[in-house]
PDB file of N, CA and C in Angstrom:
ATOM      1  N   MET A   1     -53.228  63.030 101.881  1.00  0.00           N
ATOM      2  CA  MET A   1     -53.700  63.095 100.495  1.00  0.00           C
ATOM      3  C   MET A   1     -54.773  62.025 100.245  1.00  0.00           C
ATOM      4  N   ALA A   2     -55.788  62.201  99.536  1.00  0.00           N
ATOM      5  CA  ALA A   2     -56.937  61.483  99.419  1.00  0.00           C
ATOM      6  C   ALA A   2     -56.612  60.301  98.252  1.00  0.00           C
ATOM      7  N   ASP A   3     -57.162  59.319  98.509  1.00  0.00           N
ATOM      8  CA  ASP A   3     -57.009  58.195  97.372  1.00  0.00           C
ATOM      9  C   ASP A   3     -57.820  58.537  96.244  1.00  0.00           C
ATOM     10  N   GLU A   4     -56.977  58.680  95.081  1.00  0.00           N
ATOM     11  CA  GLU A   4     -57.579  58.961  93.905  1.00  0.00           C
ATOM     12  C   GLU A   4     -57.775  57.802  92.913  1.00  0.00           C
ATOM     13  N   THR A   5     -57.690  56.686  93.426  1.00  0.00           N
ATOM     14  CA  THR A   5     -57.971  55.456  92.766  1.00  0.00           C
ATOM     15  C   THR A   5     -59.452  55.409  92.152  1.00  0.00           C
ATOM     16  N   PRO A   6     -59.713  55.271  90.918  1.00  0.00           N
ATOM     17  CA  PRO A   6     -61.127  55.315  90.286  1.00  0.00           C
ATOM     18  C   PRO A   6     -61.821  54.157  90.758  1.00  0.00           C
ATOM     19  N   ARG A   7     -63.162  54.405  91.034  1.00  0.00           N
ATOM     20  CA  ARG A   7     -63.968  53.320  91.541  1.00  0.00           C
ATOM     21  C   ARG A   7     -64.324  52.432  90.402  1.00  0.00           C
ATOM     22  N   THR A   8     -64.263  51.108  90.584  1.00  0.00           N
ATOM     23  CA  THR A   8     -64.556  50.055  89.794  1.00  0.00           C
ATOM     24  C   THR A   8     -66.093  49.722  89.890  1.00  0.00           C
ATOM     25  N   ASP A   9     -66.458  48.887  88.903  1.00  0.00           N
ATOM     26  CA  ASP A   9     -67.835  48.227  89.008  1.00  0.00           C
ATOM     27  C   ASP A   9     -68.041  47.428  90.339  1.00  0.00           C
ATOM     28  N   ALA A  10     -67.011  46.611  90.636  1.00  0.00           N
ATOM     29  CA  ALA A  10     -66.818  45.898  91.847  1.00  0.00           C
ATOM     30  C   ALA A  10     -67.106  46.798  93.173  1.00  0.00           C
ATOM     31  N   ASP A  11     -66.347  48.007  93.154  1.00  0.00           N
ATOM     32  CA  ASP A  11     -66.529  48.934  94.283  1.00  0.00           C
ATOM     33  C   ASP A  11     -68.018  49.423  94.417  1.00  0.00           C
ATOM     34  N   LYS A  12     -68.714  49.561  93.290  1.00  0.00           N
ATOM     35  CA  LYS A  12     -70.041  50.121  93.415  1.00  0.00           C
ATOM     36  C   LYS A  12     -70.858  49.035  93.778  1.00  0.00           C
ATOM     37  N   ILE A  13     -71.077  47.930  93.153  1.00  0.00           N
ATOM     38  CA  ILE A  13     -71.928  46.909  93.619  1.00  0.00           C
ATOM     39  C   ILE A  13     -71.606  46.338  94.862  1.00  0.00           C
ATOM     40  N   GLY A  14     -70.356  46.176  95.238  1.00  0.00           N
ATOM     41  CA  GLY A  14     -69.808  45.723  96.497  1.00  0.00           C
ATOM     42  C   GLY A  14     -70.261  46.684  97.690  1.00  0.00           C
ATOM     43  N   GLY A  15     -70.058  48.043  97.376  1.00  0.00           N
ATOM     44  CA  GLY A  15     -70.419  49.042  98.514  1.00  0.00           C
ATOM     45  C   GLY A  15     -72.027  49.042  98.671  1.00  0.00           C
ATOM     46  N   PHE A  16     -72.761  48.849  97.542  1.00  0.00           N
ATOM     47  CA  PHE A  16     -74.143  48.889  97.646  1.00  0.00           C
ATOM     48  C   PHE A  16     -74.528  47.610  98.517  1.00  0.00           C
ATOM     49  N   LEU A  17     -74.142  46.459  98.146  1.00  0.00           N
ATOM     50  CA  LEU A  17     -74.391  45.204  98.804  1.00  0.00           C
ATOM     51  C   LEU A  17     -73.929  45.163 100.201  1.00  0.00           C
ATOM     52  N   VAL A  18     -72.892  45.934 100.521  1.00  0.00           N
ATOM     53  CA  VAL A  18     -72.557  45.938 102.061  1.00  0.00           C
ATOM     54  C   VAL A  18     -73.548  46.926 102.701  1.00  0.00           C
ATOM     55  N   ALA A  19     -73.886  48.067 101.949  1.00  0.00           N
ATOM     56  CA  ALA A  19     -74.723  49.007 102.700  1.00  0.00           C
ATOM     57  C   ALA A  19     -76.169  48.530 102.893  1.00  0.00           C
ATOM     58  N   ILE A  20     -76.556  47.519 102.244  1.00  0.00           N
ATOM     59  CA  ILE A  20     -77.987  47.065 102.208  1.00  0.00           C
ATOM     60  C   ILE A  20     -77.850  45.808 103.298  1.00  0.00           C
ATOM     61  N   GLY A  21     -76.624  45.428 103.672  1.00  0.00           N
ATOM     62  CA  GLY A  21     -76.579  44.243 104.509  1.00  0.00           C
ATOM     63  C   GLY A  21     -76.587  42.911 104.003  1.00  0.00           C
ATOM     64  N   ALA A  22     -76.455  42.946 102.574  1.00  0.00           N
ATOM     65  CA  ALA A  22     -76.493  41.563 101.794  1.00  0.00           C
ATOM     66  C   ALA A  22     -75.105  40.963 101.790  1.00  0.00           C
ATOM     67  N   MET A  23     -74.119  41.739 102.038  1.00  0.00           N
ATOM     68  CA  MET A  23     -72.653  41.200 102.094  1.00  0.00           C
ATOM     69  C   MET A  23     -71.944  41.878 103.067  1.00  0.00           C
ATOM     70  N   LYS A  24     -70.826  41.205 103.534  1.00  0.00           N
ATOM     71  CA  LYS A  24     -69.729  41.735 104.489  1.00  0.00           C
ATOM     72  C   LYS A  24     -68.639  42.205 103.631  1.00  0.00           C
ATOM     73  N   THR A  25     -67.906  43.170 104.221  1.00  0.00           N
ATOM     74  CA  THR A  25     -66.760  43.738 103.321  1.00  0.00           C
ATOM     75  C   THR A  25     -65.787  42.706 103.100  1.00  0.00           C
ATOM     76  N   TRP A  26     -65.495  41.563 103.897  1.00  0.00           N
ATOM     77  CA  TRP A  26     -64.479  40.553 103.453  1.00  0.00           C
ATOM     78  C   TRP A  26     -64.892  39.706 102.324  1.00  0.00           C
ATOM     79  N   GLN A  27     -66.357  39.655 102.262  1.00  0.00           N
ATOM     80  CA  GLN A  27     -66.951  38.943 101.186  1.00  0.00           C
ATOM     81  C   GLN A  27     -66.664  39.634  99.977  1.00  0.00           C
ATOM     82  N   VAL A  28     -66.784  40.883  99.993  1.00  0.00           N
ATOM     83  CA  VAL A  28     -66.516  41.750  98.761  1.00  0.00           C
ATOM     84  C   VAL A  28     -65.096  41.454  98.361  1.00  0.00           C
ATOM     85  N   GLU A  29     -64.246  41.584  99.195  1.00  0.00           N
ATOM     86  CA  GLU A  29     -62.916  41.399  99.060  1.00  0.00           C
ATOM     87  C   GLU A  29     -62.443  40.051  98.412  1.00  0.00           C
ATOM     88  N   ASP A  30     -63.244  39.022  98.854  1.00  0.00           N
ATOM     89  CA  ASP A  30     -63.148  37.717  98.348  1.00  0.00           C
ATOM     90  C   ASP A  30     -63.497  37.653  96.678  1.00  0.00           C
ATOM     91  N   VAL A  31     -64.499  38.306  96.370  1.00  0.00           N
ATOM     92  CA  VAL A  31     -64.945  38.464  95.028  1.00  0.00           C
ATOM     93  C   VAL A  31     -64.037  39.231  94.213  1.00  0.00           C
ATOM     94  N   VAL A  32     -63.728  40.303  94.649  1.00  0.00           N
ATOM     95  CA  VAL A  32     -62.466  41.041  93.952  1.00  0.00           C
ATOM     96  C   VAL A  32     -61.306  40.340  93.752  1.00  0.00           C
ATOM     97  N   ILE A  33     -60.789  39.510  94.769  1.00  0.00           N
ATOM     98  CA  ILE A  33     -59.533  38.756  94.584  1.00  0.00           C
ATOM     99  C   ILE A  33     -59.714  37.701  93.504  1.00  0.00           C
ATOM    100  N   ALA A  34     -60.915  37.076  93.443  1.00  0.00           N
ATOM    101  CA  ALA A  34     -61.266  36.164  92.497  1.00  0.00           C
ATOM    102  C   ALA A  34     -61.152  36.671  91.090  1.00  0.00           C
ATOM    103  N   GLN A  35     -61.483  38.015  91.000  1.00  0.00           N
ATOM    104  CA  GLN A  35     -61.445  38.685  89.654  1.00  0.00           C
ATOM    105  C   GLN A  35     -60.188  39.051  89.306  1.00  0.00           C
ATOM    106  N   ARG A  36     -59.428  39.447  90.314  1.00  0.00           N
ATOM    107  CA  ARG A  36     -57.981  39.752  90.001  1.00  0.00           C
ATOM    108  C   ARG A  36     -57.158  38.781  89.704  1.00  0.00           C
ATOM    109  N   THR A  37     -57.612  37.427  90.120  1.00  0.00           N
ATOM    110  CA  THR A  37     -56.625  36.307  89.814  1.00  0.00           C
ATOM    111  C   THR A  37     -57.212  35.424  88.814  1.00  0.00           C
ATOM    112  N   GLY A  38     -57.988  36.032  87.977  1.00  0.00           N
ATOM    113  CA  GLY A  38     -58.363  35.436  86.693  1.00  0.00           C
ATOM    114  C   GLY A  38     -59.766  35.065  86.421  1.00  0.00           C
ATOM    115  N   ASP A  39     -60.706  35.099  87.525  1.00  0.00           N
ATOM    116  CA  ASP A  39     -62.067  34.842  87.125  1.00  0.00           C
ATOM    117  C   ASP A  39     -62.606  36.016  86.366  1.00  0.00           C
ATOM    118  N   THR A  40     -63.185  35.696  85.049  1.00  0.00           N
ATOM    119  CA  THR A  40     -63.696  36.735  84.345  1.00  0.00           C
ATOM    120  C   THR A  40     -65.147  37.014  84.451  1.00  0.00           C
ATOM    121  N   ARG A  41     -65.906  36.191  85.343  1.00  0.00           N
ATOM    122  CA  ARG A  41     -67.262  36.603  85.560  1.00  0.00           C
ATOM    123  C   ARG A  41     -67.446  37.828  86.250  1.00  0.00           C
ATOM    124  N   ILE A  42     -68.641  38.254  85.958  1.00  0.00           N
ATOM    125  CA  ILE A  42     -69.039  39.551  86.589  1.00  0.00           C
ATOM    126  C   ILE A  42     -69.245  39.439  88.123  1.00  0.00           C
ATOM    127  N   PHE A  43     -68.983  40.501  88.901  1.00  0.00           N
ATOM    128  CA  PHE A  43     -69.139  40.473  90.319  1.00  0.00           C
ATOM    129  C   PHE A  43     -70.202  39.609  90.951  1.00  0.00           C
ATOM    130  N   GLY A  44     -71.423  39.984  90.425  1.00  0.00           N
ATOM    131  CA  GLY A  44     -72.621  39.196  90.908  1.00  0.00           C
ATOM    132  C   GLY A  44     -72.630  37.852  90.711  1.00  0.00           C
ATOM    133  N   GLU A  45     -72.087  37.358  89.548  1.00  0.00           N
ATOM    134  CA  GLU A  45     -72.029  35.930  89.304  1.00  0.00           C
ATOM    135  C   GLU A  45     -71.218  35.126  90.224  1.00  0.00           C
ATOM    136  N   ILE A  46     -70.147  35.743  90.505  1.00  0.00           N
ATOM    137  CA  ILE A  46     -69.021  35.190  91.542  1.00  0.00           C
ATOM    138  C   ILE A  46     -69.659  35.277  92.928  1.00  0.00           C
ATOM    139  N   ALA A  47     -70.284  36.283  93.280  1.00  0.00           N
ATOM    140  CA  ALA A  47     -70.793  36.391  94.701  1.00  0.00           C
ATOM    141  C   ALA A  47     -71.970  35.365  94.888  1.00  0.00           C
ATOM    142  N   ILE A  48     -72.762  35.161  93.915  1.00  0.00           N
ATOM    143  CA  ILE A  48     -73.787  34.155  93.893  1.00  0.00           C
ATOM    144  C   ILE A  48     -73.185  32.792  94.015  1.00  0.00           C
ATOM    145  N   ALA A  49     -72.151  32.422  93.219  1.00  0.00           N
ATOM    146  CA  ALA A  49     -71.555  31.143  93.201  1.00  0.00           C
ATOM    147  C   ALA A  49     -70.751  30.774  94.461  1.00  0.00           C
ATOM    148  N   MET A  50     -70.297  31.957  95.184  1.00  0.00           N
ATOM    149  CA  MET A  50     -69.669  31.667  96.374  1.00  0.00           C
ATOM    150  C   MET A  50     -70.691  31.523  97.502  1.00  0.00           C
ATOM    151  N   GLY A  51     -71.840  31.760  97.287  1.00  0.00           N
ATOM    152  CA  GLY A  51     -72.931  31.761  98.211  1.00  0.00           C
ATOM    153  C   GLY A  51     -73.160  32.905  99.172  1.00  0.00           C
ATOM    154  N   TYR A  52     -72.430  34.012  98.720  1.00  0.00           N
ATOM    155  CA  TYR A  52     -72.584  35.245  99.568  1.00  0.00           C
ATOM    156  C   TYR A  52     -73.858  35.953  99.453  1.00  0.00           C
ATOM    157  N   ILE A  53     -74.415  35.882  98.268  1.00  0.00           N
ATOM    158  CA  ILE A  53     -75.655  36.553  97.958  1.00  0.00           C
ATOM    159  C   ILE A  53     -76.538  35.758  97.023  1.00  0.00           C
ATOM    160  N   ASP A  54     -77.829  36.106  97.040  1.00  0.00           N
ATOM    161  CA  ASP A  54     -78.675  35.289  96.211  1.00  0.00           C
ATOM    162  C   ASP A  54     -79.141  36.142  94.998  1.00  0.00           C
ATOM    163  N   GLU A  55     -79.830  35.537  94.049  1.00  0.00           N
ATOM    164  CA  GLU A  55     -80.258  36.327  92.892  1.00  0.00           C
ATOM    165  C   GLU A  55     -81.022  37.674  93.179  1.00  0.00           C
ATOM    166  N   THR A  56     -81.810  37.537  94.232  1.00  0.00           N
ATOM    167  CA  THR A  56     -82.692  38.625  94.794  1.00  0.00           C
ATOM    168  C   THR A  56     -81.819  39.786  94.965  1.00  0.00           C
ATOM    169  N   ALA A  57     -80.796  39.668  95.801  1.00  0.00           N
ATOM    170  CA  ALA A  57     -79.974  40.840  96.090  1.00  0.00           C
ATOM    171  C   ALA A  57     -79.222  41.328  94.882  1.00  0.00           C
ATOM    172  N   PHE A  58     -78.883  40.523  94.027  1.00  0.00           N
ATOM    173  CA  PHE A  58     -78.114  41.077  92.736  1.00  0.00           C
ATOM    174  C   PHE A  58     -79.097  41.784  92.042  1.00  0.00           C
ATOM    175  N   GLN A  59     -80.310  41.365  91.868  1.00  0.00           N
ATOM    176  CA  GLN A  59     -81.435  42.030  91.103  1.00  0.00           C
ATOM    177  C   GLN A  59     -81.804  43.378  91.699  1.00  0.00           C
ATOM    178  N   LEU A  60     -81.634  43.459  93.083  1.00  0.00           N
ATOM    179  CA  LEU A  60     -81.982  44.731  93.869  1.00  0.00           C
ATOM    180  C   LEU A  60     -80.990  45.826  93.473  1.00  0.00           C
ATOM    181  N   TYR A  61     -79.762  45.374  93.164  1.00  0.00           N
ATOM    182  CA  TYR A  61     -78.608  46.262  92.827  1.00  0.00           C
ATOM    183  C   TYR A  61     -78.867  46.705  91.414  1.00  0.00           C
ATOM    184  N   LEU A  62     -79.261  45.627  90.508  1.00  0.00           N
ATOM    185  CA  LEU A  62     -79.561  46.160  89.124  1.00  0.00           C
ATOM    186  C   LEU A  62     -80.735  47.160  88.997  1.00  0.00           C
ATOM    187  N   LYS A  63     -81.763  46.944  89.926  1.00  0.00           N
ATOM    188  CA  LYS A  63     -82.796  47.834  89.669  1.00  0.00           C
ATOM    189  C   LYS A  63     -82.555  49.266  90.270  1.00  0.00           C
ATOM    190  N   SER A  64     -81.636  49.221  91.315  1.00  0.00           N
ATOM    191  CA  SER A  64     -81.040  50.569  91.825  1.00  0.00           C
ATOM    192  C   SER A  64     -80.260  51.369  90.669  1.00  0.00           C
ATOM    193  N   ARG A  65     -79.584  50.655  89.928  1.00  0.00           N
ATOM    194  CA  ARG A  65     -78.875  51.241  88.669  1.00  0.00           C
ATOM    195  C   ARG A  65     -79.782  51.754  87.839  1.00  0.00           C
ATOM    196  N   VAL A  66     -81.085  51.269  87.423  1.00  0.00           N
ATOM    197  CA  VAL A  66     -81.842  51.657  86.523  1.00  0.00           C
ATOM    198  C   VAL A  66     -82.569  52.915  87.031  1.00  0.00           C
ATOM    199  N   SER A  67     -82.901  52.931  88.290  1.00  0.00           N
ATOM    200  CA  SER A  67     -83.827  54.031  88.899  1.00  0.00           C
ATOM    201  C   SER A  67     -83.000  55.102  89.366  1.00  0.00           C
ATOM    202  N   THR A  68     -81.606  55.102  89.363  1.00  0.00           N
ATOM    203  CA  THR A  68     -80.905  56.243  89.814  1.00  0.00           C
ATOM    204  C   THR A  68     -80.538  57.058  88.546  1.00  0.00           C
ATOM    205  N   PRO A  69     -80.869  58.529  88.687  1.00  0.00           N
ATOM    206  CA  PRO A  69     -80.749  59.210  87.484  1.00  0.00           C
ATOM    207  C   PRO A  69     -79.209  59.516  87.288  1.00  0.00           C
ATOM    208  N   ALA A  70     -78.798  59.623  85.924  1.00  0.00           N
ATOM    209  CA  ALA A  70     -77.527  59.974  85.701  1.00  0.00           C
ATOM    210  C   ALA A  70     -77.208  61.330  86.085  1.00  0.00           C
ATOM    211  N   PRO A  71     -75.806  61.636  86.530  1.00  0.00           N
ATOM    212  CA  PRO A  71     -75.407  62.765  86.845  1.00  0.00           C
ATOM    213  C   PRO A  71     -75.622  63.934  85.731  1.00  0.00           C
ATOM    214  N   CYS A  72     -75.756  65.084  86.049  1.00  0.00           N
ATOM    215  CA  CYS A  72     -75.851  66.132  85.033  1.00  0.00           C
ATOM    216  C   CYS A  72     -74.874  66.274  84.160  1.00  0.00           C
ATOM    217  N   GLY A  73     -75.255  66.231  82.882  1.00  0.00           N
ATOM    218  CA  GLY A  73     -74.089  66.384  81.653  1.00  0.00           C
ATOM    219  C   GLY A  73     -73.643  65.119  81.337  1.00  0.00           C
ATOM    220  N   THR A  74     -74.226  63.827  81.820  1.00  0.00           N
ATOM    221  CA  THR A  74     -73.789  62.440  81.288  1.00  0.00           C
ATOM    222  C   THR A  74     -75.047  61.855  80.716  1.00  0.00           C
ATOM    223  N   ARG A  75     -74.879  60.875  79.905  1.00  0.00           N
ATOM    224  CA  ARG A  75     -75.966  60.019  79.446  1.00  0.00           C
ATOM    225  C   ARG A  75     -75.785  58.753  79.654  1.00  0.00           C
ATOM    226  N   ARG A  76     -76.808  58.044  79.875  1.00  0.00           N
ATOM    227  CA  ARG A  76     -76.902  56.544  80.154  1.00  0.00           C
ATOM    228  C   ARG A  76     -76.925  55.769  78.760  1.00  0.00           C
ATOM    229  N   ALA A  77     -76.305  54.705  78.798  1.00  0.00           N
ATOM    230  CA  ALA A  77     -76.267  53.930  77.580  1.00  0.00           C
ATOM    231  C   ALA A  77     -77.855  53.524  77.171  1.00  0.00           C
ATOM    232  N   GLY A  78     -78.033  53.623  75.857  1.00  0.00           N
ATOM    233  CA  GLY A  78     -79.350  53.261  75.330  1.00  0.00           C
ATOM    234  C   GLY A  78     -80.180  54.435  75.166  1.00  0.00           C
ATOM    235  N   ARG A  79     -79.718  55.530  75.452  1.00  0.00           N
ATOM    236  CA  ARG A  79     -80.558  56.912  75.358  1.00  0.00           C
ATOM    237  C   ARG A  79     -80.010  57.730  74.395  1.00  0.00           C
TER     238      ARG A  79
END
């Protein structure tokens, strides 16, 4: 049976950063653990603070979100 756990924002940004070689899977897991144990910062802020990525990698992810069209039948915020 397939895992039907919904993807979180951490899954999305973490997967992106792993795919472009900016982070390793274990680093993504470290950030997620920090969030699950009470760190309220967003994924990118934690990853930067831990020294796993720099601001450039985080901005690359944000730009990819803006340039990716929304799936059919959905609307992006602000439109």
